[in-house]
Structure formats: C-alpha cells, structure tokens
Amino acid sequence: MNKDNNIEKISRNDALKKMGKYAALTAFGTFLVLNPLKAQATSPPDPGGDIFTD
C-alpha cells in the first residue's frame, strides 16, 4: 500500500514565514471582530430586551 503523495517540501525558513503571515492575518481579523469601540457603537440600546412584541 505505497501511494504517492504529491506533497511539496519547503524549508523550515519558508514554513516560518508562512506561519508568520497567517498569524498576522489572524491577529488582524481578531482585532477587527473584537474591537470594543466598534462593538459598543453597533450594539442595540437594549440588548435582549422585549423580544415578543404584539
């Protein structure tokens, strides 16, 4: 059961560079999503208030 895996091998230095790019992108995305000032500005005035209105 010897199957050929088409895996490109990259150097450790290239792998660290790629990981750094992903980490920076993740940190930036997390900052945008969890930015407290923006979240406060877009939240409703009465969160979880009267849900059932007749």
PDB file of N, CA and C in Angstrom:
ATOM      1  N   MET A   1       0.821  -1.185   0.000  1.00  0.00           N
ATOM      2  CA  MET A   1       0.000   0.000   0.000  1.00  0.00           C
ATOM      3  C   MET A   1       0.865   1.249   0.000  1.00  0.00           C
ATOM      4  N   ASN A   2       1.670   1.364  -1.001  1.00  0.00           N
ATOM      5  CA  ASN A   2       2.539   2.523  -1.109  1.00  0.00           C
ATOM      6  C   ASN A   2       1.925   3.487  -2.125  1.00  0.00           C
ATOM      7  N   LYS A   3       1.336   4.558  -1.631  1.00  0.00           N
ATOM      8  CA  LYS A   3       0.712   5.539  -2.515  1.00  0.00           C
ATOM      9  C   LYS A   3       1.601   6.763  -2.615  1.00  0.00           C
ATOM     10  N   ASP A   4       1.591   7.369  -3.782  1.00  0.00           N
ATOM     11  CA  ASP A   4       2.378   8.576  -3.976  1.00  0.00           C
ATOM     12  C   ASP A   4       1.602   9.766  -3.434  1.00  0.00           C
ATOM     13  N   ASN A   5       2.220  10.487  -2.543  1.00  0.00           N
ATOM     14  CA  ASN A   5       1.636  11.715  -2.026  1.00  0.00           C
ATOM     15  C   ASN A   5       2.351  12.886  -2.677  1.00  0.00           C
ATOM     16  N   ASN A   6       1.605  13.713  -3.347  1.00  0.00           N
ATOM     17  CA  ASN A   6       2.199  14.874  -4.005  1.00  0.00           C
ATOM     18  C   ASN A   6       2.313  16.016  -3.003  1.00  0.00           C
ATOM     19  N   ILE A   7       3.281  15.915  -2.139  1.00  0.00           N
ATOM     20  CA  ILE A   7       3.500  16.932  -1.106  1.00  0.00           C
ATOM     21  C   ILE A   7       4.754  17.702  -1.465  1.00  0.00           C
ATOM     22  N   GLU A   8       4.603  19.018  -1.584  1.00  0.00           N
ATOM     23  CA  GLU A   8       5.776  19.846  -1.840  1.00  0.00           C
ATOM     24  C   GLU A   8       6.502  20.083  -0.523  1.00  0.00           C
ATOM     25  N   LYS A   9       7.773  19.842  -0.535  1.00  0.00           N
ATOM     26  CA  LYS A   9       8.557  20.074   0.667  1.00  0.00           C
ATOM     27  C   LYS A   9       9.128  21.477   0.607  1.00  0.00           C
ATOM     28  N   ILE A  10       8.961  22.209   1.714  1.00  0.00           N
ATOM     29  CA  ILE A  10       9.512  23.556   1.805  1.00  0.00           C
ATOM     30  C   ILE A  10      10.493  23.589   2.965  1.00  0.00           C
ATOM     31  N   SER A  11      11.342  24.592   2.955  1.00  0.00           N
ATOM     32  CA  SER A  11      12.344  24.677   4.007  1.00  0.00           C
ATOM     33  C   SER A  11      11.700  25.182   5.304  1.00  0.00           C
ATOM     34  N   ARG A  12      12.398  24.998   6.381  1.00  0.00           N
ATOM     35  CA  ARG A  12      11.906  25.445   7.679  1.00  0.00           C
ATOM     36  C   ARG A  12      11.734  26.965   7.684  1.00  0.00           C
ATOM     37  N   ASN A  13      12.646  27.677   7.035  1.00  0.00           N
ATOM     38  CA  ASN A  13      12.575  29.134   6.979  1.00  0.00           C
ATOM     39  C   ASN A  13      11.325  29.583   6.225  1.00  0.00           C
ATOM     40  N   ASP A  14      11.021  28.933   5.103  1.00  0.00           N
ATOM     41  CA  ASP A  14       9.812  29.266   4.343  1.00  0.00           C
ATOM     42  C   ASP A  14       8.554  28.957   5.149  1.00  0.00           C
ATOM     43  N   ALA A  15       8.575  27.851   5.877  1.00  0.00           N
ATOM     44  CA  ALA A  15       7.427  27.489   6.705  1.00  0.00           C
ATOM     45  C   ALA A  15       7.189  28.536   7.795  1.00  0.00           C
ATOM     46  N   LEU A  16       8.258  29.016   8.406  1.00  0.00           N
ATOM     47  CA  LEU A  16       8.115  30.040   9.449  1.00  0.00           C
ATOM     48  C   LEU A  16       7.584  31.347   8.874  1.00  0.00           C
ATOM     49  N   LYS A  17       8.001  31.679   7.660  1.00  0.00           N
ATOM     50  CA  LYS A  17       7.493  32.889   7.020  1.00  0.00           C
ATOM     51  C   LYS A  17       5.991  32.770   6.753  1.00  0.00           C
ATOM     52  N   LYS A  18       5.565  31.602   6.264  1.00  0.00           N
ATOM     53  CA  LYS A  18       4.143  31.393   6.003  1.00  0.00           C
ATOM     54  C   LYS A  18       3.341  31.440   7.299  1.00  0.00           C
ATOM     55  N   MET A  19       3.854  30.829   8.345  1.00  0.00           N
ATOM     56  CA  MET A  19       3.159  30.837   9.631  1.00  0.00           C
ATOM     57  C   MET A  19       3.039  32.260  10.171  1.00  0.00           C
ATOM     58  N   GLY A  20       4.073  33.059   9.966  1.00  0.00           N
ATOM     59  CA  GLY A  20       4.034  34.449  10.411  1.00  0.00           C
ATOM     60  C   GLY A  20       2.967  35.240   9.690  1.00  0.00           C
ATOM     61  N   LYS A  21       2.805  34.991   8.404  1.00  0.00           N
ATOM     62  CA  LYS A  21       1.769  35.689   7.634  1.00  0.00           C
ATOM     63  C   LYS A  21       0.382  35.295   8.123  1.00  0.00           C
ATOM     64  N   TYR A  22       0.170  33.999   8.351  1.00  0.00           N
ATOM     65  CA  TYR A  22      -1.129  33.547   8.847  1.00  0.00           C
ATOM     66  C   TYR A  22      -1.404  34.101  10.241  1.00  0.00           C
ATOM     67  N   ALA A  23      -0.387  34.149  11.093  1.00  0.00           N
ATOM     68  CA  ALA A  23      -0.565  34.665  12.446  1.00  0.00           C
ATOM     69  C   ALA A  23      -0.921  36.147  12.412  1.00  0.00           C
ATOM     70  N   ALA A  24      -0.263  36.906  11.543  1.00  0.00           N
ATOM     71  CA  ALA A  24      -0.562  38.332  11.435  1.00  0.00           C
ATOM     72  C   ALA A  24      -1.976  38.542  10.908  1.00  0.00           C
ATOM     73  N   LEU A  25      -2.380  37.763   9.929  1.00  0.00           N
ATOM     74  CA  LEU A  25      -3.722  37.882   9.372  1.00  0.00           C
ATOM     75  C   LEU A  25      -4.772  37.518  10.420  1.00  0.00           C
ATOM     76  N   THR A  26      -4.517  36.471  11.186  1.00  0.00           N
ATOM     77  CA  THR A  26      -5.446  36.056  12.229  1.00  0.00           C
ATOM     78  C   THR A  26      -5.560  37.115  13.315  1.00  0.00           C
ATOM     79  N   ALA A  27      -4.438  37.689  13.722  1.00  0.00           N
ATOM     80  CA  ALA A  27      -4.461  38.725  14.748  1.00  0.00           C
ATOM     81  C   ALA A  27      -5.234  39.946  14.262  1.00  0.00           C
ATOM     82  N   PHE A  28      -5.029  40.327  13.018  1.00  0.00           N
ATOM     83  CA  PHE A  28      -5.736  41.481  12.459  1.00  0.00           C
ATOM     84  C   PHE A  28      -7.239  41.207  12.390  1.00  0.00           C
ATOM     85  N   GLY A  29      -7.613  40.028  11.934  1.00  0.00           N
ATOM     86  CA  GLY A  29      -9.036  39.671  11.868  1.00  0.00           C
ATOM     87  C   GLY A  29      -9.677  39.625  13.237  1.00  0.00           C
ATOM     88  N   THR A  30      -8.968  39.086  14.213  1.00  0.00           N
ATOM     89  CA  THR A  30      -9.484  39.034  15.571  1.00  0.00           C
ATOM     90  C   THR A  30      -9.664  40.431  16.133  1.00  0.00           C
ATOM     91  N   PHE A  31      -8.736  41.312  15.860  1.00  0.00           N
ATOM     92  CA  PHE A  31      -8.848  42.690  16.334  1.00  0.00           C
ATOM     93  C   PHE A  31     -10.073  43.375  15.731  1.00  0.00           C
ATOM     94  N   LEU A  32     -10.311  43.140  14.441  1.00  0.00           N
ATOM     95  CA  LEU A  32     -11.466  43.754  13.800  1.00  0.00           C
ATOM     96  C   LEU A  32     -12.774  43.233  14.386  1.00  0.00           C
ATOM     97  N   VAL A  33     -12.835  41.938  14.638  1.00  0.00           N
ATOM     98  CA  VAL A  33     -14.064  41.339  15.145  1.00  0.00           C
ATOM     99  C   VAL A  33     -14.303  41.735  16.600  1.00  0.00           C
ATOM    100  N   LEU A  34     -13.257  41.781  17.381  1.00  0.00           N
ATOM    101  CA  LEU A  34     -13.409  42.014  18.812  1.00  0.00           C
ATOM    102  C   LEU A  34     -13.075  43.434  19.236  1.00  0.00           C
ATOM    103  N   ASN A  35     -13.041  44.364  18.300  1.00  0.00           N
ATOM    104  CA  ASN A  35     -12.735  45.753  18.633  1.00  0.00           C
ATOM    105  C   ASN A  35     -13.839  46.294  19.541  1.00  0.00           C
ATOM    106  N   PRO A  36     -13.540  46.653  20.784  1.00  0.00           N
ATOM    107  CA  PRO A  36     -14.587  47.037  21.731  1.00  0.00           C
ATOM    108  C   PRO A  36     -15.315  48.333  21.365  1.00  0.00           C
ATOM    109  N   LEU A  37     -14.637  49.304  20.810  1.00  0.00           N
ATOM    110  CA  LEU A  37     -15.304  50.555  20.469  1.00  0.00           C
ATOM    111  C   LEU A  37     -16.321  50.354  19.354  1.00  0.00           C
ATOM    112  N   LYS A  38     -15.951  49.591  18.347  1.00  0.00           N
ATOM    113  CA  LYS A  38     -16.868  49.335  17.250  1.00  0.00           C
ATOM    114  C   LYS A  38     -18.030  48.460  17.722  1.00  0.00           C
ATOM    115  N   ALA A  39     -17.750  47.478  18.554  1.00  0.00           N
ATOM    116  CA  ALA A  39     -18.802  46.605  19.057  1.00  0.00           C
ATOM    117  C   ALA A  39     -19.793  47.394  19.907  1.00  0.00           C
ATOM    118  N   GLN A  40     -19.289  48.330  20.689  1.00  0.00           N
ATOM    119  CA  GLN A  40     -20.168  49.140  21.529  1.00  0.00           C
ATOM    120  C   GLN A  40     -21.024  50.067  20.669  1.00  0.00           C
ATOM    121  N   ALA A  41     -20.461  50.597  19.612  1.00  0.00           N
ATOM    122  CA  ALA A  41     -21.187  51.526  18.756  1.00  0.00           C
ATOM    123  C   ALA A  41     -22.291  50.821  17.968  1.00  0.00           C
ATOM    124  N   THR A  42     -22.103  49.546  17.648  1.00  0.00           N
ATOM    125  CA  THR A  42     -23.091  48.848  16.832  1.00  0.00           C
ATOM    126  C   THR A  42     -24.074  48.029  17.654  1.00  0.00           C
ATOM    127  N   SER A  43     -23.906  47.980  18.971  1.00  0.00           N
ATOM    128  CA  SER A  43     -24.826  47.184  19.778  1.00  0.00           C
ATOM    129  C   SER A  43     -26.141  47.930  19.959  1.00  0.00           C
ATOM    130  N   PRO A  44     -27.247  47.202  20.079  1.00  0.00           N
ATOM    131  CA  PRO A  44     -28.535  47.859  20.276  1.00  0.00           C
ATOM    132  C   PRO A  44     -28.615  48.498  21.658  1.00  0.00           C
ATOM    133  N   PRO A  45     -29.470  49.511  21.822  1.00  0.00           N
ATOM    134  CA  PRO A  45     -29.539  50.195  23.114  1.00  0.00           C
ATOM    135  C   PRO A  45     -30.056  49.304  24.234  1.00  0.00           C
ATOM    136  N   ASP A  46     -30.931  48.330  23.903  1.00  0.00           N
ATOM    137  CA  ASP A  46     -31.483  47.442  24.923  1.00  0.00           C
ATOM    138  C   ASP A  46     -31.283  45.993  24.486  1.00  0.00           C
ATOM    139  N   PRO A  47     -30.054  45.483  24.617  1.00  0.00           N
ATOM    140  CA  PRO A  47     -29.810  44.112  24.152  1.00  0.00           C
ATOM    141  C   PRO A  47     -30.581  43.090  24.975  1.00  0.00           C
ATOM    142  N   GLY A  48     -31.262  42.203  24.298  1.00  0.00           N
ATOM    143  CA  GLY A  48     -32.010  41.151  24.991  1.00  0.00           C
ATOM    144  C   GLY A  48     -33.271  41.677  25.623  1.00  0.00           C
ATOM    145  N   GLY A  49     -33.734  42.816  25.209  1.00  0.00           N
ATOM    146  CA  GLY A  49     -34.925  43.421  25.796  1.00  0.00           C
ATOM    147  C   GLY A  49     -36.183  42.691  25.399  1.00  0.00           C
ATOM    148  N   ASP A  50     -37.227  43.391  25.157  1.00  0.00           N
ATOM    149  CA  ASP A  50     -38.537  42.836  24.848  1.00  0.00           C
ATOM    150  C   ASP A  50     -38.496  42.146  23.491  1.00  0.00           C
ATOM    151  N   ILE A  51     -38.390  40.844  23.498  1.00  0.00           N
ATOM    152  CA  ILE A  51     -38.286  40.086  22.251  1.00  0.00           C
ATOM    153  C   ILE A  51     -39.660  39.901  21.631  1.00  0.00           C
ATOM    154  N   PHE A  52     -40.656  39.593  22.460  1.00  0.00           N
ATOM    155  CA  PHE A  52     -42.007  39.312  21.951  1.00  0.00           C
ATOM    156  C   PHE A  52     -42.843  40.577  22.045  1.00  0.00           C
ATOM    157  N   THR A  53     -43.106  41.174  20.902  1.00  0.00           N
ATOM    158  CA  THR A  53     -43.959  42.354  20.876  1.00  0.00           C
ATOM    159  C   THR A  53     -45.233  42.014  20.130  1.00  0.00           C
ATOM    160  N   ASP A  54     -46.326  42.467  20.629  1.00  0.00           N
ATOM    161  CA  ASP A  54     -47.612  42.197  19.973  1.00  0.00           C
ATOM    162  C   ASP A  54     -48.101  43.398  19.235  1.00  0.00           C
TER     163      ASP A  54
END
